[in-house]
């Protein structure tokens, strides 16, 4: 078994905010959705084997506890890039996960995302 993708939600019209976070902030590449799913809104992103699908959900409520956790090469650089884009990066649990350094950040819609290195 392997994980294919993780889905997070956004409100209708939230695609630009998703692109700012997932592509501009995390450096993921937006990938085309299959034609049969294109009319639903949202957008998909990929980096290496990690794939995140941002889907429109109505009514929308951000995931505050459930979250994707992504391993990045340079946690400091990614955190700084997100902060420069206006995202608040929480470093309070940086050394609480054995074998990793980590931080948490809320995406453009308030969904929790964990980053590890």
Protein backbone atom coordinates (compact mmCIF):
# COMPACT_ATOMS: atom_id res chain seq x y z
CA UNK A 1 0.00 0.00 0.00
CA UNK A 2 1.10 3.57 -0.62
CA UNK A 3 -0.50 6.93 -0.18
CA UNK A 4 -1.62 8.53 -3.45
CA UNK A 5 -2.72 11.98 -2.25
CA UNK A 6 -4.09 14.01 0.62
CA UNK A 7 -7.09 16.27 0.16
CA UNK A 8 -7.71 19.52 1.99
CA UNK A 9 -10.68 21.81 1.49
CA UNK A 10 -11.17 25.38 0.42
CA UNK A 11 -14.23 27.56 -0.03
CA UNK A 12 -15.62 28.18 -3.52
CA UNK A 13 -13.29 30.63 -5.29
CA UNK A 14 -10.34 29.75 -3.03
CA UNK A 15 -8.05 28.45 -5.76
CA UNK A 16 -5.82 31.54 -5.92
CA UNK A 17 -5.17 31.37 -2.17
CA UNK A 18 -4.37 27.66 -2.56
CA UNK A 19 -1.90 28.44 -5.33
CA UNK A 20 -0.21 31.11 -3.19
CA UNK A 21 0.32 28.60 -0.36
CA UNK A 22 0.98 25.28 -2.12
CA UNK A 23 2.84 26.53 -5.21
CA UNK A 24 4.40 29.87 -4.22
CA UNK A 25 4.97 28.96 -0.57
CA UNK A 26 5.82 25.27 -0.66
CA UNK A 27 7.18 25.12 -4.20
CA UNK A 28 4.77 22.43 -5.40
CA UNK A 29 3.76 22.29 -9.06
CA UNK A 30 0.12 22.62 -10.00
CA UNK A 31 -1.04 19.64 -12.06
CA UNK A 32 -4.09 19.51 -14.29
CA UNK A 33 -7.18 17.84 -12.90
CA UNK A 34 -8.82 15.21 -15.09
CA UNK A 35 -11.43 16.75 -17.39
CA UNK A 36 -14.23 14.83 -15.65
CA UNK A 37 -13.34 16.53 -12.33
CA UNK A 38 -12.45 20.00 -13.62
CA UNK A 39 -15.92 21.48 -13.15
CA UNK A 40 -15.88 20.89 -9.41
CA UNK A 41 -13.37 23.64 -8.72
CA UNK A 42 -10.25 23.30 -6.63
CA UNK A 43 -6.73 22.52 -7.80
CA UNK A 44 -4.08 19.83 -7.45
CA UNK A 45 -0.38 20.10 -6.59
CA UNK A 46 2.60 17.72 -6.73
CA UNK A 47 6.23 17.67 -5.59
CA UNK A 48 8.10 14.38 -5.89
CA UNK A 49 5.82 11.64 -4.56
CA UNK A 50 3.70 14.08 -2.52
CA UNK A 51 0.37 15.11 -4.01
CA UNK A 52 -2.18 17.44 -2.45
CA UNK A 53 -5.68 17.95 -3.82
CA UNK A 54 -7.45 21.13 -2.76
CA UNK A 55 -11.18 20.60 -3.19
CA UNK A 56 -14.10 22.97 -2.87
CA UNK A 57 -16.31 22.18 0.11
CA UNK A 58 -19.59 23.90 0.98
CA UNK A 59 -20.17 24.73 3.66
CA UNK A 60 -16.46 25.18 4.23
CA UNK A 61 -14.75 24.63 7.59
CA UNK A 62 -10.94 24.48 7.86
CA UNK A 63 -9.24 21.40 9.32
CA UNK A 64 -7.62 22.65 12.53
CA UNK A 65 -6.38 19.30 13.91
CA UNK A 66 -6.33 16.85 10.98
CA UNK A 67 -3.47 17.75 8.67
CA UNK A 68 -1.03 16.61 6.01
CA UNK A 69 2.60 16.39 7.14
CA UNK A 70 5.19 16.98 4.44
CA UNK A 71 8.94 16.36 4.64
CA UNK A 72 10.95 19.21 3.11
CA UNK A 73 14.70 19.53 2.54
CA UNK A 74 15.26 22.96 4.09
CA UNK A 75 12.70 23.68 6.79
CA UNK A 76 14.16 27.10 7.59
CA UNK A 77 14.02 28.24 3.97
CA UNK A 78 10.48 26.98 3.44
CA UNK A 79 9.34 28.58 6.70
CA UNK A 80 10.95 31.89 5.74
CA UNK A 81 9.33 31.80 2.29
CA UNK A 82 5.90 31.17 3.83
CA UNK A 83 6.42 33.99 6.34
CA UNK A 84 7.44 36.34 3.51
CA UNK A 85 4.13 35.51 1.81
CA UNK A 86 2.26 36.47 4.98
CA UNK A 87 1.64 33.01 6.47
CA UNK A 88 2.23 32.65 10.20
CA UNK A 89 4.64 29.79 10.89
CA UNK A 90 4.43 28.23 14.36
CA UNK A 91 7.82 26.94 15.55
CA UNK A 92 6.74 26.09 19.14
CA UNK A 93 6.91 22.33 18.51
CA UNK A 94 10.15 22.45 16.51
CA UNK A 95 11.96 19.85 18.64
CA UNK A 96 9.05 17.71 19.91
CA UNK A 97 9.05 14.96 17.25
CA UNK A 98 12.08 12.63 17.65
CA UNK A 99 14.28 12.50 14.58
CA UNK A 100 12.76 15.58 12.95
CA UNK A 101 12.53 19.32 13.26
CA UNK A 102 9.08 20.64 12.45
CA UNK A 103 6.73 23.57 12.27
CA UNK A 104 3.05 24.11 11.67
CA UNK A 105 1.37 26.63 9.42
CA UNK A 106 -2.19 27.37 8.35
CA UNK A 107 -2.76 27.46 4.61
CA UNK A 108 -4.64 30.31 2.92
CA UNK A 109 -7.94 28.86 4.18
CA UNK A 110 -6.94 27.99 7.74
CA UNK A 111 -6.16 24.28 7.22
CA UNK A 112 -3.32 23.05 9.44
CA UNK A 113 -0.19 21.79 7.64
CA UNK A 114 2.86 20.26 9.32
CA UNK A 115 6.31 20.58 7.76
CA UNK A 116 9.20 18.34 8.83
CA UNK A 117 12.89 18.02 8.04
